[in-house]
Amino acid sequence: TDKPGTTYNYSNIGAALAAYVTERASGISYESFTQKYIFDPLDMNSTYWDASVYASPLMATRYFADQSSVPAYLLITRADGGLYTTNNDFSSYLIEMLKGSRGSGTILTNASYIELFTPQNIKGERSGLFWALSDTNQPNHSGADPGIVAFSKIFPKRNKGYFFMTNISAD
């Protein structure tokens, strides 16, 4: 095995572990924590961790690349991809990340935003905390599960951000 800090590997388990640490430090569930400290302050009123909330006409049907529909499924861990949101709500989050990257965020301290976007260089991979960083420090984050692909990127110097989400699998 490699020594810590010598090899980069993305890990969904890392997101689940961070959620667990958040629960232990705050004394409340990760779902309650994110609701109280992220979703509510940003008026993300259509964002949920509970899939049953989205068992409605509001949720798009998810598809495989062959255009067959993805059966309903639940994730064992949520922090690594179990969020249900809308384009409008996620735009609020992305705007907050952009503001934070420019020193005017509201849900974290400036020191926390600096830490979030500070490059960690490990074997040629540039990454912040849960944000990949381009060679010019432009943060981006992507993810995929059956029937969903999402990609976001912010450009702090241009004060712009982009978000793409689709209900078709990446394959």
C-alpha atoms as a PDB file:
ATOM      1  CA  THR A   1       0.000   0.000   0.000  1.00  0.00           C
ATOM      2  CA  ASP A   2       1.042   3.579  -0.571  1.00  0.00           C
ATOM      3  CA  LYS A   3       1.958   5.980   2.200  1.00  0.00           C
ATOM      4  CA  PRO A   4      -0.587   8.780   2.911  1.00  0.00           C
ATOM      5  CA  GLY A   5      -0.077  11.809   0.685  1.00  0.00           C
ATOM      6  CA  THR A   6       1.799   9.917  -2.045  1.00  0.00           C
ATOM      7  CA  THR A   7      -1.045   8.657  -4.240  1.00  0.00           C
ATOM      8  CA  TYR A   8      -4.327  10.212  -5.339  1.00  0.00           C
ATOM      9  CA  ASN A   9      -7.477   8.114  -5.699  1.00  0.00           C
ATOM     10  CA  TYR A  10     -10.977   9.530  -5.639  1.00  0.00           C
ATOM     11  CA  SER A  11     -13.150   7.681  -3.158  1.00  0.00           C
ATOM     12  CA  ASN A  12     -16.897   7.840  -2.589  1.00  0.00           C
ATOM     13  CA  ILE A  13     -16.160   6.321   0.805  1.00  0.00           C
ATOM     14  CA  GLY A  14     -14.300   9.554   1.612  1.00  0.00           C
ATOM     15  CA  ALA A  15     -17.544  11.518   1.198  1.00  0.00           C
ATOM     16  CA  ALA A  16     -19.386   9.050   3.427  1.00  0.00           C
ATOM     17  CA  LEU A  17     -16.612   9.302   6.020  1.00  0.00           C
ATOM     18  CA  ALA A  18     -16.758  13.120   5.916  1.00  0.00           C
ATOM     19  CA  ALA A  19     -20.523  12.922   6.502  1.00  0.00           C
ATOM     20  CA  TYR A  20     -19.954  10.612   9.468  1.00  0.00           C
ATOM     21  CA  VAL A  21     -17.356  12.993  10.946  1.00  0.00           C
ATOM     22  CA  THR A  22     -19.839  15.857  10.485  1.00  0.00           C
ATOM     23  CA  GLU A  23     -22.481  13.873  12.384  1.00  0.00           C
ATOM     24  CA  ARG A  24     -20.121  13.060  15.242  1.00  0.00           C
ATOM     25  CA  ALA A  25     -18.836  16.640  15.515  1.00  0.00           C
ATOM     26  CA  SER A  26     -22.267  18.304  15.281  1.00  0.00           C
ATOM     27  CA  GLY A  27     -24.369  15.773  17.175  1.00  0.00           C
ATOM     28  CA  ILE A  28     -27.035  15.752  14.447  1.00  0.00           C
ATOM     29  CA  SER A  29     -27.560  13.668  11.318  1.00  0.00           C
ATOM     30  CA  TYR A  30     -25.758  14.679   8.139  1.00  0.00           C
ATOM     31  CA  GLU A  31     -29.136  15.212   6.499  1.00  0.00           C
ATOM     32  CA  SER A  32     -30.234  17.597   9.290  1.00  0.00           C
ATOM     33  CA  PHE A  33     -26.866  19.355   9.251  1.00  0.00           C
ATOM     34  CA  THR A  34     -26.959  20.043   5.517  1.00  0.00           C
ATOM     35  CA  GLN A  35     -30.586  21.163   5.752  1.00  0.00           C
ATOM     36  CA  LYS A  36     -29.851  23.608   8.579  1.00  0.00           C
ATOM     37  CA  TYR A  37     -26.497  24.975   7.414  1.00  0.00           C
ATOM     38  CA  ILE A  38     -26.667  24.750   3.616  1.00  0.00           C
ATOM     39  CA  PHE A  39     -30.127  24.184   2.135  1.00  0.00           C
ATOM     40  CA  ASP A  40     -32.129  26.520   4.405  1.00  0.00           C
ATOM     41  CA  PRO A  41     -29.714  29.491   4.281  1.00  0.00           C
ATOM     42  CA  LEU A  42     -29.502  29.212   0.487  1.00  0.00           C
ATOM     43  CA  ASP A  43     -33.290  28.806   0.078  1.00  0.00           C
ATOM     44  CA  MET A  44     -32.800  25.401  -1.528  1.00  0.00           C
ATOM     45  CA  ASN A  45     -36.414  24.413  -0.883  1.00  0.00           C
ATOM     46  CA  SER A  46     -36.532  21.582  -3.431  1.00  0.00           C
ATOM     47  CA  THR A  47     -33.406  19.727  -2.305  1.00  0.00           C
ATOM     48  CA  TYR A  48     -33.647  16.491  -0.307  1.00  0.00           C
ATOM     49  CA  TRP A  49     -31.723  13.410   0.751  1.00  0.00           C
ATOM     50  CA  ASP A  50     -34.915  11.353   1.034  1.00  0.00           C
ATOM     51  CA  ALA A  51     -35.812   9.725  -2.290  1.00  0.00           C
ATOM     52  CA  SER A  52     -39.426   9.230  -1.207  1.00  0.00           C
ATOM     53  CA  VAL A  53     -39.900  13.003  -1.218  1.00  0.00           C
ATOM     54  CA  TYR A  54     -39.152  12.968  -4.909  1.00  0.00           C
ATOM     55  CA  ALA A  55     -41.458  10.079  -5.761  1.00  0.00           C
ATOM     56  CA  SER A  56     -43.589  12.540  -7.673  1.00  0.00           C
ATOM     57  CA  PRO A  57     -44.021  14.028 -11.135  1.00  0.00           C
ATOM     58  CA  LEU A  58     -41.279  16.515 -10.213  1.00  0.00           C
ATOM     59  CA  MET A  59     -38.572  13.887 -10.597  1.00  0.00           C
ATOM     60  CA  ALA A  60     -37.343  13.161 -14.082  1.00  0.00           C
ATOM     61  CA  THR A  61     -37.260   9.565 -15.227  1.00  0.00           C
ATOM     62  CA  ARG A  62     -33.672   8.323 -15.266  1.00  0.00           C
ATOM     63  CA  TYR A  63     -32.432   6.458 -18.335  1.00  0.00           C
ATOM     64  CA  PHE A  64     -29.594   4.200 -19.365  1.00  0.00           C
ATOM     65  CA  ALA A  65     -27.740   5.091 -22.563  1.00  0.00           C
ATOM     66  CA  ASP A  66     -29.889   2.565 -24.474  1.00  0.00           C
ATOM     67  CA  GLN A  67     -32.946   4.678 -23.503  1.00  0.00           C
ATOM     68  CA  SER A  68     -34.384   2.066 -21.142  1.00  0.00           C
ATOM     69  CA  SER A  69     -35.500   3.492 -17.818  1.00  0.00           C
ATOM     70  CA  VAL A  70     -33.417   2.982 -14.695  1.00  0.00           C
ATOM     71  CA  PRO A  71     -35.326   1.099 -11.990  1.00  0.00           C
ATOM     72  CA  ALA A  72     -35.764   2.935  -8.689  1.00  0.00           C
ATOM     73  CA  TYR A  73     -32.798   2.427  -6.384  1.00  0.00           C
ATOM     74  CA  LEU A  74     -31.438   3.780  -3.126  1.00  0.00           C
ATOM     75  CA  LEU A  75     -27.837   4.337  -2.138  1.00  0.00           C
ATOM     76  CA  ILE A  76     -26.495   2.829   1.068  1.00  0.00           C
ATOM     77  CA  THR A  77     -24.513   6.018   1.648  1.00  0.00           C
ATOM     78  CA  ARG A  78     -26.007   9.366   0.690  1.00  0.00           C
ATOM     79  CA  ALA A  79     -23.228  11.938   0.892  1.00  0.00           C
ATOM     80  CA  ASP A  80     -21.523  10.497  -2.167  1.00  0.00           C
ATOM     81  CA  GLY A  81     -24.409  10.956  -4.584  1.00  0.00           C
ATOM     82  CA  GLY A  82     -27.788  10.604  -2.908  1.00  0.00           C
ATOM     83  CA  LEU A  83     -28.899  14.227  -3.195  1.00  0.00           C
ATOM     84  CA  TYR A  84     -32.121  15.102  -5.008  1.00  0.00           C
ATOM     85  CA  THR A  85     -32.218  18.682  -6.238  1.00  0.00           C
ATOM     86  CA  THR A  86     -33.387  20.981  -9.007  1.00  0.00           C
ATOM     87  CA  ASN A  87     -31.457  23.147 -11.429  1.00  0.00           C
ATOM     88  CA  ASN A  88     -32.618  26.269  -9.589  1.00  0.00           C
ATOM     89  CA  ASP A  89     -31.595  24.975  -6.175  1.00  0.00           C
ATOM     90  CA  PHE A  90     -28.222  23.739  -7.341  1.00  0.00           C
ATOM     91  CA  SER A  91     -27.643  27.079  -9.035  1.00  0.00           C
ATOM     92  CA  SER A  92     -28.038  28.723  -5.612  1.00  0.00           C
ATOM     93  CA  TYR A  93     -25.373  26.386  -4.232  1.00  0.00           C
ATOM     94  CA  LEU A  94     -23.043  27.000  -7.171  1.00  0.00           C
ATOM     95  CA  ILE A  95     -23.434  30.782  -6.809  1.00  0.00           C
ATOM     96  CA  GLU A  96     -22.537  30.429  -3.116  1.00  0.00           C
ATOM     97  CA  MET A  97     -19.414  28.438  -4.022  1.00  0.00           C
ATOM     98  CA  LEU A  98     -18.469  31.106  -6.549  1.00  0.00           C
ATOM     99  CA  LYS A  99     -18.972  33.843  -3.959  1.00  0.00           C
ATOM    100  CA  GLY A 100     -16.959  31.852  -1.436  1.00  0.00           C
ATOM    101  CA  SER A 101     -14.106  31.396  -3.888  1.00  0.00           C
ATOM    102  CA  ARG A 102     -14.046  35.197  -4.252  1.00  0.00           C
ATOM    103  CA  GLY A 103     -14.118  35.910  -0.497  1.00  0.00           C
ATOM    104  CA  SER A 104     -17.797  36.804  -0.065  1.00  0.00           C
ATOM    105  CA  GLY A 105     -19.517  33.503   0.764  1.00  0.00           C
ATOM    106  CA  THR A 106     -22.131  33.319   3.501  1.00  0.00           C
ATOM    107  CA  ILE A 107     -22.371  29.697   4.693  1.00  0.00           C
ATOM    108  CA  LEU A 108     -18.679  29.199   5.543  1.00  0.00           C
ATOM    109  CA  THR A 109     -15.953  31.444   6.917  1.00  0.00           C
ATOM    110  CA  ASN A 110     -13.464  32.906   4.445  1.00  0.00           C
ATOM    111  CA  ALA A 111     -10.790  30.662   5.997  1.00  0.00           C
ATOM    112  CA  SER A 112     -12.988  27.621   5.303  1.00  0.00           C
ATOM    113  CA  TYR A 113     -13.473  28.628   1.668  1.00  0.00           C
ATOM    114  CA  ILE A 114      -9.731  29.096   1.287  1.00  0.00           C
ATOM    115  CA  GLU A 115      -9.178  25.588   2.698  1.00  0.00           C
ATOM    116  CA  LEU A 116     -11.923  24.177   0.458  1.00  0.00           C
ATOM    117  CA  PHE A 117     -10.220  25.439  -2.701  1.00  0.00           C
ATOM    118  CA  THR A 118      -6.546  25.121  -1.683  1.00  0.00           C
ATOM    119  CA  PRO A 119      -4.759  22.832  -4.144  1.00  0.00           C
ATOM    120  CA  GLN A 120      -3.464  19.548  -2.795  1.00  0.00           C
ATOM    121  CA  ASN A 121      -0.888  18.275  -5.275  1.00  0.00           C
ATOM    122  CA  ILE A 122      -0.505  14.513  -5.067  1.00  0.00           C
ATOM    123  CA  LYS A 123       1.253  12.713  -7.910  1.00  0.00           C
ATOM    124  CA  GLY A 124       0.201  15.289 -10.509  1.00  0.00           C
ATOM    125  CA  GLU A 125      -3.456  15.415  -9.422  1.00  0.00           C
ATOM    126  CA  ARG A 126      -4.712  18.810  -8.267  1.00  0.00           C
ATOM    127  CA  SER A 127      -7.623  18.701  -5.920  1.00  0.00           C
ATOM    128  CA  GLY A 128      -9.256  20.808  -3.253  1.00  0.00           C
ATOM    129  CA  LEU A 129     -11.663  19.321  -0.722  1.00  0.00           C
ATOM    130  CA  PHE A 130     -14.206  17.492  -2.908  1.00  0.00           C
ATOM    131  CA  TRP A 131     -13.428  19.886  -5.779  1.00  0.00           C
ATOM    132  CA  ALA A 132     -11.030  19.030  -8.601  1.00  0.00           C
ATOM    133  CA  LEU A 133      -8.861  21.979  -9.610  1.00  0.00           C
ATOM    134  CA  SER A 134      -7.631  22.794 -13.101  1.00  0.00           C
ATOM    135  CA  ASP A 135      -4.055  23.965 -13.676  1.00  0.00           C
ATOM    136  CA  THR A 136      -5.398  27.520 -13.329  1.00  0.00           C
ATOM    137  CA  ASN A 137      -7.233  26.704 -10.043  1.00  0.00           C
ATOM    138  CA  GLN A 138     -10.721  26.629 -11.547  1.00  0.00           C
ATOM    139  CA  PRO A 139     -12.776  24.337  -9.259  1.00  0.00           C
ATOM    140  CA  ASN A 140     -15.013  21.681 -10.764  1.00  0.00           C
ATOM    141  CA  HIS A 141     -16.980  18.752  -9.444  1.00  0.00           C
ATOM    142  CA  SER A 142     -18.674  15.921 -11.268  1.00  0.00           C
ATOM    143  CA  GLY A 143     -20.560  12.811 -10.384  1.00  0.00           C
ATOM    144  CA  ALA A 144     -22.621  10.048 -11.888  1.00  0.00           C
ATOM    145  CA  ASP A 145     -24.898   7.213 -10.873  1.00  0.00           C
ATOM    146  CA  PRO A 146     -27.255   5.121 -12.999  1.00  0.00           C
ATOM    147  CA  GLY A 147     -29.457   7.599 -14.837  1.00  0.00           C
ATOM    148  CA  ILE A 148     -27.724  10.767 -13.678  1.00  0.00           C
ATOM    149  CA  VAL A 149     -24.656  12.759 -14.625  1.00  0.00           C
ATOM    150  CA  ALA A 150     -23.806  16.143 -13.155  1.00  0.00           C
ATOM    151  CA  PHE A 151     -20.905  18.505 -13.768  1.00  0.00           C
ATOM    152  CA  SER A 152     -20.232  21.932 -12.307  1.00  0.00           C
ATOM    153  CA  LYS A 153     -17.353  24.364 -12.698  1.00  0.00           C
ATOM    154  CA  ILE A 154     -16.669  27.817 -11.368  1.00  0.00           C
ATOM    155  CA  PHE A 155     -14.396  30.496 -12.772  1.00  0.00           C
ATOM    156  CA  PRO A 156     -13.637  32.839  -9.838  1.00  0.00           C
ATOM    157  CA  LYS A 157     -11.643  35.377 -11.891  1.00  0.00           C
ATOM    158  CA  ARG A 158     -14.495  35.714 -14.404  1.00  0.00           C
ATOM    159  CA  ASN A 159     -17.207  35.541 -11.697  1.00  0.00           C
ATOM    160  CA  LYS A 160     -18.987  32.795 -13.653  1.00  0.00           C
ATOM    161  CA  GLY A 161     -20.089  29.258 -13.028  1.00  0.00           C
ATOM    162  CA  TYR A 162     -21.580  26.470 -15.103  1.00  0.00           C
ATOM    163  CA  PHE A 163     -23.718  23.485 -14.215  1.00  0.00           C
ATOM    164  CA  PHE A 164     -24.885  20.577 -16.333  1.00  0.00           C
ATOM    165  CA  MET A 165     -27.175  17.776 -15.193  1.00  0.00           C
ATOM    166  CA  THR A 166     -28.801  15.081 -17.266  1.00  0.00           C
ATOM    167  CA  ASN A 167     -31.042  12.099 -16.562  1.00  0.00           C
ATOM    168  CA  ILE A 168     -29.114   9.754 -18.878  1.00  0.00           C
ATOM    169  CA  SER A 169     -26.292   7.481 -17.676  1.00  0.00           C
ATOM    170  CA  ALA A 170     -22.740   8.378 -18.611  1.00  0.00           C
ATOM    171  CA  ASP A 171     -22.207   5.099 -20.450  1.00  0.00           C
END
